[in-house]
Amino acid sequence: MNAIYRQLCCDHKHMQELLNAFEQLLLDLFGCGDRDPNTLSLILDALDYLSAYPDRYHHPVEDLIFSRLLTKPVHDRESIYEAQMQHENIAAATKHMCALFYAIANDATVERRVLQGACNTYLKLQRKHMDLENKSIFPQIEQYLGTTDWIYIQKQISELSCRYFDRATRKIYESLHEDLTQHQMPAQALA
């Protein structure tokens, strides 16, 4: 398995873990009368990760791979086009979630039903997206992309990484992921 492809699979696993941790934080936030003030801070950290890492690294890499994949005789082009559109929708949904939670952090009033609805929609969107890629697109990547394709993609990623997401920044987000998902939930977030 190519290292870039392996990283995408690993990213999906990490994203699923982070979404599970995020969902647990939301349950803690909505489920308790007396909530831990650290929960909101952890939610903002999770949203920062869910925004920065996929938008600056993961999705741009996938988009490069998908573009290359579309030059092949793939059997399910519609899934690839749908996933590319979902990248834009996920970025917009993440910005919306960030705006809602930063409003709360700044003591603005956000209706509970609005917040819960946005959170549920967001989690479904993220999970539906990863499911589409895992089941429909990743098998095509394995089937159609060869060594020459991966060399071409690696060159493009090297140029992209220098501009958008350097190694030091990536390590920060890997540490943040570990903090947020260690033992499913950080101890101070549990109410």
C-alpha atoms as a PDB file:
ATOM      1  CA  MET A   1       0.000   0.000   0.000  1.00  0.00           C
ATOM      2  CA  ASN A   2       1.340   3.415  -0.974  1.00  0.00           C
ATOM      3  CA  ALA A   3       2.366   5.699   1.932  1.00  0.00           C
ATOM      4  CA  ILE A   4       0.061   8.523   0.795  1.00  0.00           C
ATOM      5  CA  TYR A   5      -2.894   6.180   0.576  1.00  0.00           C
ATOM      6  CA  ARG A   6      -1.981   4.676   3.955  1.00  0.00           C
ATOM      7  CA  GLN A   7      -1.962   8.215   5.413  1.00  0.00           C
ATOM      8  CA  LEU A   8      -5.452   8.891   4.025  1.00  0.00           C
ATOM      9  CA  CYS A   9      -6.720   5.704   5.668  1.00  0.00           C
ATOM     10  CA  CYS A  10      -5.030   6.678   8.931  1.00  0.00           C
ATOM     11  CA  ASP A  11      -6.539  10.178   8.681  1.00  0.00           C
ATOM     12  CA  HIS A  12     -10.002   8.671   8.330  1.00  0.00           C
ATOM     13  CA  LYS A  13      -9.445   6.525  11.397  1.00  0.00           C
ATOM     14  CA  HIS A  14      -8.258   9.584  13.351  1.00  0.00           C
ATOM     15  CA  MET A  15     -11.181  11.666  12.113  1.00  0.00           C
ATOM     16  CA  GLN A  16     -13.640   8.985  13.202  1.00  0.00           C
ATOM     17  CA  GLU A  17     -12.030   8.881  16.650  1.00  0.00           C
ATOM     18  CA  LEU A  18     -12.162  12.655  16.858  1.00  0.00           C
ATOM     19  CA  LEU A  19     -15.801  12.758  15.749  1.00  0.00           C
ATOM     20  CA  ASN A  20     -16.608  10.210  18.461  1.00  0.00           C
ATOM     21  CA  ALA A  21     -14.799  12.354  21.039  1.00  0.00           C
ATOM     22  CA  PHE A  22     -16.556  15.480  19.715  1.00  0.00           C
ATOM     23  CA  GLU A  23     -19.917  13.726  19.972  1.00  0.00           C
ATOM     24  CA  GLN A  24     -19.165  12.719  23.556  1.00  0.00           C
ATOM     25  CA  LEU A  25     -18.212  16.307  24.392  1.00  0.00           C
ATOM     26  CA  LEU A  26     -21.538  17.455  22.932  1.00  0.00           C
ATOM     27  CA  LEU A  27     -23.409  14.901  25.032  1.00  0.00           C
ATOM     28  CA  ASP A  28     -21.598  16.211  28.082  1.00  0.00           C
ATOM     29  CA  LEU A  29     -22.381  19.800  27.122  1.00  0.00           C
ATOM     30  CA  PHE A  30     -26.082  19.169  26.475  1.00  0.00           C
ATOM     31  CA  GLY A  31     -26.658  16.541  29.122  1.00  0.00           C
ATOM     32  CA  CYS A  32     -25.655  18.299  32.306  1.00  0.00           C
ATOM     33  CA  GLY A  33     -27.100  21.204  34.190  1.00  0.00           C
ATOM     34  CA  ASP A  34     -23.727  21.956  35.762  1.00  0.00           C
ATOM     35  CA  ARG A  35     -21.262  21.560  32.960  1.00  0.00           C
ATOM     36  CA  ASP A  36     -17.520  21.621  33.179  1.00  0.00           C
ATOM     37  CA  PRO A  37     -16.251  24.913  31.686  1.00  0.00           C
ATOM     38  CA  ASN A  38     -13.365  22.981  30.110  1.00  0.00           C
ATOM     39  CA  THR A  39     -15.838  21.133  27.887  1.00  0.00           C
ATOM     40  CA  LEU A  40     -16.423  24.205  25.725  1.00  0.00           C
ATOM     41  CA  SER A  41     -12.674  24.733  25.386  1.00  0.00           C
ATOM     42  CA  LEU A  42     -12.231  21.109  24.296  1.00  0.00           C
ATOM     43  CA  ILE A  43     -15.072  21.461  21.779  1.00  0.00           C
ATOM     44  CA  LEU A  44     -13.343  24.518  20.312  1.00  0.00           C
ATOM     45  CA  ASP A  45     -10.073  22.566  20.131  1.00  0.00           C
ATOM     46  CA  ALA A  46     -11.847  19.694  18.375  1.00  0.00           C
ATOM     47  CA  LEU A  47     -13.450  22.101  15.895  1.00  0.00           C
ATOM     48  CA  ASP A  48     -10.078  23.706  15.244  1.00  0.00           C
ATOM     49  CA  TYR A  49      -8.688  20.283  14.360  1.00  0.00           C
ATOM     50  CA  LEU A  50     -11.764  19.351  12.306  1.00  0.00           C
ATOM     51  CA  SER A  51     -11.356  22.596  10.399  1.00  0.00           C
ATOM     52  CA  ALA A  52      -7.628  23.057   9.947  1.00  0.00           C
ATOM     53  CA  TYR A  53      -6.314  19.552   9.346  1.00  0.00           C
ATOM     54  CA  PRO A  54      -8.875  18.372   6.765  1.00  0.00           C
ATOM     55  CA  ASP A  55      -9.181  21.737   5.018  1.00  0.00           C
ATOM     56  CA  ARG A  56      -5.464  22.462   4.799  1.00  0.00           C
ATOM     57  CA  TYR A  57      -4.019  19.006   4.314  1.00  0.00           C
ATOM     58  CA  HIS A  58      -6.324  15.980   4.051  1.00  0.00           C
ATOM     59  CA  HIS A  59      -8.917  17.242   1.563  1.00  0.00           C
ATOM     60  CA  PRO A  60      -6.398  18.997  -0.718  1.00  0.00           C
ATOM     61  CA  VAL A  61      -4.428  15.726  -0.885  1.00  0.00           C
ATOM     62  CA  GLU A  62      -7.598  13.790  -1.626  1.00  0.00           C
ATOM     63  CA  ASP A  63      -8.518  16.299  -4.314  1.00  0.00           C
ATOM     64  CA  LEU A  64      -5.136  15.753  -5.995  1.00  0.00           C
ATOM     65  CA  ILE A  65      -5.635  12.001  -5.861  1.00  0.00           C
ATOM     66  CA  PHE A  66      -9.222  12.256  -7.097  1.00  0.00           C
ATOM     67  CA  SER A  67      -8.105  14.409 -10.038  1.00  0.00           C
ATOM     68  CA  ARG A  68      -5.540  11.789 -10.984  1.00  0.00           C
ATOM     69  CA  LEU A  69      -8.080   9.024 -10.477  1.00  0.00           C
ATOM     70  CA  LEU A  70     -10.471  10.742 -12.884  1.00  0.00           C
ATOM     71  CA  THR A  71      -7.871  10.329 -15.647  1.00  0.00           C
ATOM     72  CA  LYS A  72      -8.360   6.567 -15.314  1.00  0.00           C
ATOM     73  CA  PRO A  73     -11.244   4.394 -16.549  1.00  0.00           C
ATOM     74  CA  VAL A  74     -12.871   4.357 -13.099  1.00  0.00           C
ATOM     75  CA  HIS A  75     -16.324   2.838 -12.800  1.00  0.00           C
ATOM     76  CA  ASP A  76     -17.824   5.245 -10.235  1.00  0.00           C
ATOM     77  CA  ARG A  77     -17.056   8.822 -11.227  1.00  0.00           C
ATOM     78  CA  GLU A  78     -20.216  10.118  -9.546  1.00  0.00           C
ATOM     79  CA  SER A  79     -18.894   9.174  -6.098  1.00  0.00           C
ATOM     80  CA  ILE A  80     -15.694  11.085  -6.790  1.00  0.00           C
ATOM     81  CA  TYR A  81     -17.597  14.191  -7.911  1.00  0.00           C
ATOM     82  CA  GLU A  82     -19.887  13.910  -4.887  1.00  0.00           C
ATOM     83  CA  ALA A  83     -16.940  13.618  -2.485  1.00  0.00           C
ATOM     84  CA  GLN A  84     -15.296  16.686  -4.017  1.00  0.00           C
ATOM     85  CA  MET A  85     -18.503  18.673  -3.515  1.00  0.00           C
ATOM     86  CA  GLN A  86     -18.762  17.369   0.030  1.00  0.00           C
ATOM     87  CA  HIS A  87     -15.293  18.760   0.778  1.00  0.00           C
ATOM     88  CA  GLU A  88     -16.709  22.241   0.166  1.00  0.00           C
ATOM     89  CA  ASN A  89     -19.859  21.495   2.181  1.00  0.00           C
ATOM     90  CA  ILE A  90     -17.837  20.139   5.092  1.00  0.00           C
ATOM     91  CA  ALA A  91     -15.627  23.234   5.143  1.00  0.00           C
ATOM     92  CA  ALA A  92     -18.715  25.476   5.226  1.00  0.00           C
ATOM     93  CA  ALA A  93     -20.408  23.336   7.899  1.00  0.00           C
ATOM     94  CA  THR A  94     -17.279  23.383  10.057  1.00  0.00           C
ATOM     95  CA  LYS A  95     -17.094  27.185   9.809  1.00  0.00           C
ATOM     96  CA  HIS A  96     -20.745  27.354  10.838  1.00  0.00           C
ATOM     97  CA  MET A  97     -20.090  25.091  13.841  1.00  0.00           C
ATOM     98  CA  CYS A  98     -17.084  27.191  14.835  1.00  0.00           C
ATOM     99  CA  ALA A  99     -19.179  30.367  14.619  1.00  0.00           C
ATOM    100  CA  LEU A 100     -21.868  28.864  16.854  1.00  0.00           C
ATOM    101  CA  PHE A 101     -19.449  27.663  19.518  1.00  0.00           C
ATOM    102  CA  TYR A 102     -17.337  30.823  19.467  1.00  0.00           C
ATOM    103  CA  ALA A 103     -20.559  32.786  19.933  1.00  0.00           C
ATOM    104  CA  ILE A 104     -21.283  30.680  23.015  1.00  0.00           C
ATOM    105  CA  ALA A 105     -17.712  31.170  24.257  1.00  0.00           C
ATOM    106  CA  ASN A 106     -18.286  34.933  23.926  1.00  0.00           C
ATOM    107  CA  ASP A 107     -21.506  34.681  25.975  1.00  0.00           C
ATOM    108  CA  ALA A 108     -23.877  35.120  23.044  1.00  0.00           C
ATOM    109  CA  THR A 109     -27.181  33.303  23.194  1.00  0.00           C
ATOM    110  CA  VAL A 110     -27.577  30.359  20.853  1.00  0.00           C
ATOM    111  CA  GLU A 111     -30.806  28.374  21.067  1.00  0.00           C
ATOM    112  CA  ARG A 112     -30.202  24.852  22.286  1.00  0.00           C
ATOM    113  CA  ARG A 113     -32.341  23.298  19.503  1.00  0.00           C
ATOM    114  CA  VAL A 114     -30.416  25.262  16.849  1.00  0.00           C
ATOM    115  CA  LEU A 115     -27.095  24.138  18.276  1.00  0.00           C
ATOM    116  CA  GLN A 116     -28.177  20.509  18.665  1.00  0.00           C
ATOM    117  CA  GLY A 117     -29.594  20.445  15.139  1.00  0.00           C
ATOM    118  CA  ALA A 118     -26.405  21.914  13.679  1.00  0.00           C
ATOM    119  CA  CYS A 119     -24.277  19.415  15.626  1.00  0.00           C
ATOM    120  CA  ASN A 120     -26.343  16.423  14.503  1.00  0.00           C
ATOM    121  CA  THR A 121     -26.291  17.570  10.883  1.00  0.00           C
ATOM    122  CA  TYR A 122     -22.542  18.160  11.069  1.00  0.00           C
ATOM    123  CA  LEU A 123     -21.757  14.730  12.505  1.00  0.00           C
ATOM    124  CA  LYS A 124     -23.959  13.013   9.902  1.00  0.00           C
ATOM    125  CA  LEU A 125     -22.316  14.960   7.070  1.00  0.00           C
ATOM    126  CA  GLN A 126     -18.806  14.071   8.238  1.00  0.00           C
ATOM    127  CA  ARG A 127     -19.601  10.391   8.715  1.00  0.00           C
ATOM    128  CA  LYS A 128     -21.511  10.094   5.426  1.00  0.00           C
ATOM    129  CA  HIS A 129     -18.533  11.645   3.638  1.00  0.00           C
ATOM    130  CA  MET A 130     -15.981   9.244   5.101  1.00  0.00           C
ATOM    131  CA  ASP A 131     -18.279   6.308   4.425  1.00  0.00           C
ATOM    132  CA  LEU A 132     -18.591   7.343   0.754  1.00  0.00           C
ATOM    133  CA  GLU A 133     -14.836   7.621   0.386  1.00  0.00           C
ATOM    134  CA  ASN A 134     -14.063   4.420   2.274  1.00  0.00           C
ATOM    135  CA  LYS A 135     -16.585   2.279   0.401  1.00  0.00           C
ATOM    136  CA  SER A 136     -16.703   3.813  -3.076  1.00  0.00           C
ATOM    137  CA  ILE A 137     -13.529   5.753  -3.762  1.00  0.00           C
ATOM    138  CA  PHE A 138     -10.707   4.155  -1.801  1.00  0.00           C
ATOM    139  CA  PRO A 139     -11.184   0.772  -3.522  1.00  0.00           C
ATOM    140  CA  GLN A 140     -10.876   2.555  -6.873  1.00  0.00           C
ATOM    141  CA  ILE A 141      -7.672   4.239  -5.682  1.00  0.00           C
ATOM    142  CA  GLU A 142      -6.216   0.831  -4.909  1.00  0.00           C
ATOM    143  CA  GLN A 143      -7.392  -0.590  -8.223  1.00  0.00           C
ATOM    144  CA  TYR A 144      -6.428   2.177 -10.651  1.00  0.00           C
ATOM    145  CA  LEU A 145      -3.449   4.103  -9.277  1.00  0.00           C
ATOM    146  CA  GLY A 146       0.020   2.703  -9.866  1.00  0.00           C
ATOM    147  CA  THR A 147       3.585   3.681  -9.027  1.00  0.00           C
ATOM    148  CA  THR A 148       3.805   6.362 -11.732  1.00  0.00           C
ATOM    149  CA  ASP A 149       0.582   7.946 -10.468  1.00  0.00           C
ATOM    150  CA  TRP A 150       1.843   8.018  -6.882  1.00  0.00           C
ATOM    151  CA  ILE A 151       5.141   9.635  -7.938  1.00  0.00           C
ATOM    152  CA  TYR A 152       3.171  12.336  -9.765  1.00  0.00           C
ATOM    153  CA  ILE A 153       0.839  12.840  -6.771  1.00  0.00           C
ATOM    154  CA  GLN A 154       3.769  12.960  -4.309  1.00  0.00           C
ATOM    155  CA  LYS A 155       5.390  15.763  -6.303  1.00  0.00           C
ATOM    156  CA  GLN A 156       2.174  17.767  -6.200  1.00  0.00           C
ATOM    157  CA  ILE A 157       1.723  17.104  -2.478  1.00  0.00           C
ATOM    158  CA  SER A 158       5.266  18.275  -1.761  1.00  0.00           C
ATOM    159  CA  GLU A 159       4.485  21.594  -3.408  1.00  0.00           C
ATOM    160  CA  LEU A 160       1.127  21.825  -1.636  1.00  0.00           C
ATOM    161  CA  SER A 161       2.536  20.934   1.790  1.00  0.00           C
ATOM    162  CA  CYS A 162       5.164  23.648   1.619  1.00  0.00           C
ATOM    163  CA  ARG A 163       2.484  26.260   1.027  1.00  0.00           C
ATOM    164  CA  TYR A 164      -0.316  25.109   3.298  1.00  0.00           C
ATOM    165  CA  PHE A 165       0.585  22.626   5.986  1.00  0.00           C
ATOM    166  CA  ASP A 166       4.205  22.216   7.009  1.00  0.00           C
ATOM    167  CA  ARG A 167       5.500  19.323   9.100  1.00  0.00           C
ATOM    168  CA  ALA A 168       5.614  21.326  12.363  1.00  0.00           C
ATOM    169  CA  THR A 169       1.987  22.409  11.991  1.00  0.00           C
ATOM    170  CA  ARG A 170       0.963  18.862  11.197  1.00  0.00           C
ATOM    171  CA  LYS A 171       2.656  17.600  14.375  1.00  0.00           C
ATOM    172  CA  ILE A 172       0.694  20.138  16.431  1.00  0.00           C
ATOM    173  CA  TYR A 173      -2.562  18.736  15.067  1.00  0.00           C
ATOM    174  CA  GLU A 174      -1.434  15.157  15.614  1.00  0.00           C
ATOM    175  CA  SER A 175      -0.765  16.058  19.268  1.00  0.00           C
ATOM    176  CA  LEU A 176      -4.150  17.755  19.523  1.00  0.00           C
ATOM    177  CA  HIS A 177      -5.824  14.645  18.112  1.00  0.00           C
ATOM    178  CA  GLU A 178      -4.050  12.498  20.675  1.00  0.00           C
ATOM    179  CA  ASP A 179      -5.077  14.786  23.539  1.00  0.00           C
ATOM    180  CA  LEU A 180      -8.712  14.850  22.465  1.00  0.00           C
ATOM    181  CA  THR A 181      -9.090  11.137  21.841  1.00  0.00           C
ATOM    182  CA  GLN A 182      -6.847   9.641  24.500  1.00  0.00           C
ATOM    183  CA  HIS A 183      -8.942   7.135  26.437  1.00  0.00           C
ATOM    184  CA  GLN A 184     -11.919   8.202  24.267  1.00  0.00           C
ATOM    185  CA  MET A 185     -12.337  11.378  26.335  1.00  0.00           C
ATOM    186  CA  PRO A 186     -10.040  13.608  28.405  1.00  0.00           C
ATOM    187  CA  ALA A 187     -10.824  13.179  32.089  1.00  0.00           C
ATOM    188  CA  GLN A 188     -11.603  16.844  32.748  1.00  0.00           C
ATOM    189  CA  ALA A 189     -14.352  16.854  30.108  1.00  0.00           C
ATOM    190  CA  LEU A 190     -16.388  14.205  31.858  1.00  0.00           C
ATOM    191  CA  ALA A 191     -19.141  15.641  34.023  1.00  0.00           C
END
